[in-house]
Amino acid sequence: MKIIDVREFAVATHLVVRGTQAEIGFALAGAAIEVYGSTPRPVKPVLGRARRRWFEVNWPEHHERSRGMAAAFGVAYDDPSLCVDELNGLPLPGGCSAVWCPPRVVRNFDIHASVIETAPVRPHVVEMHPEQGLSSVAITGNNLSGCLEGINEAGTVRRRARRRTE
């Protein structure tokens, strides 16, 4: 019989946040600062303005969360040279790969081995209960402002915002 060492597995942290979208953003950023030592990353101002406008138009909830994130970091939300809308905990971004094996699509969270060896991968199960809008639960791999998988209280799974042109 082989005894499994629990240190070989990532242990998920359960995080429950409630309040306005800005308060939720503040709480998420506070957790990212505590767990990952996160700080806003510098970006070209043209990119910072474009990101802010995209969230304002396409994902207003996250746009408001970003205001709280900026407050937690102690920076101005409207500073276009700082990215305050993501809370990535790893030095290199992870990503997902997918394989289509009819009738299924199989997804995997991919991360470079050098990152795993040098940085803590701390997955979170995040419950968000906004004052307005739908409550949701998300499973993260390293980014407290996004998710690998998530579902809201209406049962809708949303992985990527997409605009339809008709």
Protein backbone atom coordinates (compact mmCIF):
# COMPACT_ATOMS: atom_id res chain seq x y z
CA MET A 1 0.00 0.00 0.00
CA LYS A 2 1.37 3.44 -0.93
CA ILE A 3 0.71 6.28 1.47
CA ILE A 4 0.01 9.54 -0.33
CA ASP A 5 1.78 12.63 0.95
CA VAL A 6 -0.75 15.48 0.98
CA ARG A 7 2.09 17.98 0.37
CA GLU A 8 2.15 16.66 -3.22
CA PHE A 9 -1.26 18.22 -3.88
CA ALA A 10 -2.43 21.79 -4.16
CA VAL A 11 -4.88 22.66 -1.40
CA ALA A 12 -7.67 25.02 -2.42
CA THR A 13 -8.58 28.01 -0.29
CA HIS A 14 -12.28 28.85 0.07
CA LEU A 15 -12.86 32.61 -0.19
CA VAL A 16 -16.30 34.18 0.29
CA VAL A 17 -16.76 37.85 -0.65
CA ARG A 18 -19.90 39.98 -0.34
CA GLY A 19 -20.80 43.60 -1.06
CA THR A 20 -20.74 46.00 -3.96
CA GLN A 21 -18.64 45.07 -6.98
CA ALA A 22 -15.99 47.56 -5.80
CA GLU A 23 -15.96 45.97 -2.32
CA ILE A 24 -15.62 42.53 -3.91
CA GLY A 25 -12.68 43.80 -5.99
CA PHE A 26 -11.07 45.27 -2.88
CA ALA A 27 -11.41 41.94 -1.03
CA LEU A 28 -10.04 39.93 -3.99
CA ALA A 29 -7.07 42.27 -4.35
CA GLY A 30 -6.43 42.06 -0.61
CA ALA A 31 -6.31 38.27 -0.86
CA ALA A 32 -3.99 38.46 -3.91
CA ILE A 33 -1.67 40.82 -2.03
CA GLU A 34 -1.62 38.48 0.98
CA VAL A 35 -1.25 35.20 -0.91
CA TYR A 36 0.83 36.21 -3.95
CA GLY A 37 2.32 39.59 -3.04
CA SER A 38 0.49 41.00 -6.08
CA THR A 39 1.04 44.53 -7.28
CA PRO A 40 -0.37 46.34 -10.33
CA ARG A 41 1.80 45.66 -13.35
CA PRO A 42 2.94 48.51 -15.61
CA VAL A 43 1.37 48.71 -19.06
CA LYS A 44 1.55 51.11 -21.98
CA PRO A 45 -1.02 53.85 -21.33
CA VAL A 46 -2.80 53.19 -24.62
CA LEU A 47 -3.30 49.56 -23.53
CA GLY A 48 -4.42 50.60 -20.04
CA ARG A 49 -7.08 52.95 -21.47
CA ALA A 50 -8.24 50.29 -23.96
CA ARG A 51 -8.56 47.62 -21.26
CA ARG A 52 -10.50 49.96 -18.99
CA ARG A 53 -12.88 50.90 -21.83
CA TRP A 54 -13.35 47.25 -22.86
CA PHE A 55 -14.35 46.24 -19.33
CA GLU A 56 -16.63 49.27 -19.01
CA VAL A 57 -18.52 48.26 -22.17
CA ASN A 58 -18.32 44.45 -22.10
CA TRP A 59 -18.02 43.48 -18.44
CA PRO A 60 -19.27 46.34 -16.25
CA GLU A 61 -19.18 44.21 -13.10
CA HIS A 62 -15.44 43.69 -13.47
CA HIS A 63 -15.00 47.34 -14.38
CA GLU A 64 -16.45 48.23 -10.97
CA ARG A 65 -14.40 45.50 -9.25
CA SER A 66 -11.28 47.08 -10.76
CA ARG A 67 -12.03 50.28 -8.86
CA GLY A 68 -11.86 48.31 -5.61
CA MET A 69 -8.69 46.54 -6.75
CA ALA A 70 -7.01 49.91 -7.37
CA ALA A 71 -8.08 51.09 -3.90
CA ALA A 72 -6.60 47.96 -2.29
CA PHE A 73 -3.32 48.59 -4.12
CA GLY A 74 -3.39 52.24 -3.07
CA VAL A 75 -3.19 53.54 -6.65
CA ALA A 76 -5.43 55.75 -8.77
CA TYR A 77 -7.95 53.76 -10.79
CA ASP A 78 -7.65 56.14 -13.74
CA ASP A 79 -3.84 55.82 -14.05
CA PRO A 80 -3.53 54.27 -17.55
CA SER A 81 0.06 53.15 -16.90
CA LEU A 82 -0.99 50.55 -14.31
CA CYS A 83 -3.04 47.40 -14.88
CA VAL A 84 -5.34 47.05 -11.88
CA ASP A 85 -7.91 44.74 -13.48
CA GLU A 86 -6.05 41.44 -13.03
CA LEU A 87 -4.77 39.66 -9.96
CA ASN A 88 -2.35 37.15 -11.44
CA GLY A 89 -0.27 35.34 -8.84
CA LEU A 90 2.33 33.73 -11.06
CA PRO A 91 5.31 35.32 -12.81
CA LEU A 92 4.31 33.72 -16.13
CA PRO A 93 0.74 33.39 -17.32
CA GLY A 94 -0.89 30.00 -17.39
CA GLY A 95 -3.42 29.07 -19.99
CA CYS A 96 -5.78 26.38 -21.12
CA SER A 97 -5.39 23.87 -23.88
CA ALA A 98 -8.32 22.00 -25.33
CA VAL A 99 -8.70 18.81 -27.31
CA TRP A 100 -11.87 17.91 -29.18
CA CYS A 101 -12.65 14.21 -28.91
CA PRO A 102 -16.18 13.89 -30.29
CA PRO A 103 -18.55 14.30 -28.59
CA ARG A 104 -16.46 15.96 -25.84
CA VAL A 105 -14.07 18.84 -25.44
CA VAL A 106 -11.41 18.20 -22.82
CA ARG A 107 -9.68 21.18 -21.21
CA ASN A 108 -6.49 21.34 -19.22
CA PHE A 109 -4.87 24.17 -17.26
CA ASP A 110 -1.33 24.43 -18.59
CA ILE A 111 1.49 25.96 -16.63
CA HIS A 112 5.21 25.85 -17.30
CA ALA A 113 7.12 23.48 -14.99
CA SER A 114 9.62 26.19 -14.01
CA VAL A 115 6.78 28.25 -12.56
CA ILE A 116 5.53 25.37 -10.42
CA GLU A 117 9.05 24.86 -9.05
CA THR A 118 9.53 28.53 -8.12
CA ALA A 119 6.10 29.93 -7.28
CA PRO A 120 3.28 28.73 -5.06
CA VAL A 121 0.25 27.61 -7.02
CA ARG A 122 -2.66 28.26 -4.69
CA PRO A 123 -6.02 27.50 -6.23
CA HIS A 124 -9.08 29.18 -4.75
CA VAL A 125 -12.77 28.42 -4.71
CA VAL A 126 -14.24 31.93 -4.74
CA GLU A 127 -17.86 32.67 -3.87
CA MET A 128 -18.95 36.16 -4.91
CA HIS A 129 -22.21 37.58 -3.59
CA PRO A 130 -22.74 41.06 -5.04
CA GLU A 131 -25.39 43.41 -3.66
CA GLN A 132 -26.75 43.70 -7.20
CA GLY A 133 -26.56 40.92 -9.76
CA LEU A 134 -26.13 37.18 -9.59
CA SER A 135 -24.02 35.37 -7.05
CA SER A 136 -21.39 33.07 -8.53
CA VAL A 137 -18.72 30.57 -7.66
CA ALA A 138 -15.40 30.33 -9.49
CA ILE A 139 -12.45 27.98 -9.35
CA THR A 140 -9.12 29.70 -9.93
CA GLY A 141 -5.68 28.35 -10.64
CA ASN A 142 -3.63 31.44 -10.00
CA ASN A 143 -5.69 34.48 -10.86
CA LEU A 144 -8.16 35.90 -8.34
CA SER A 145 -9.74 38.20 -10.94
CA GLY A 146 -10.69 35.39 -13.32
CA CYS A 147 -11.50 31.72 -13.25
CA LEU A 148 -10.82 28.35 -14.80
CA GLU A 149 -14.44 27.39 -14.36
CA GLY A 150 -17.35 29.28 -12.94
CA ILE A 151 -21.10 29.29 -12.71
CA ASN A 152 -23.64 31.82 -11.47
CA GLU A 153 -26.78 31.21 -9.46
CA ALA A 154 -28.88 31.09 -12.66
CA GLY A 155 -26.80 28.12 -13.85
CA THR A 156 -25.00 30.04 -16.58
CA VAL A 157 -21.41 29.10 -17.29
CA ARG A 158 -19.53 31.99 -18.83
CA ARG A 159 -15.95 31.60 -19.90
CA ARG A 160 -15.47 34.47 -22.31
CA ALA A 161 -17.51 37.54 -23.20
CA ARG A 162 -18.28 37.65 -26.90
CA ARG A 163 -20.19 40.19 -28.96
CA ARG A 164 -22.36 38.97 -31.77
CA THR A 165 -22.62 40.89 -34.99
CA GLU A 166 -25.81 40.33 -36.93
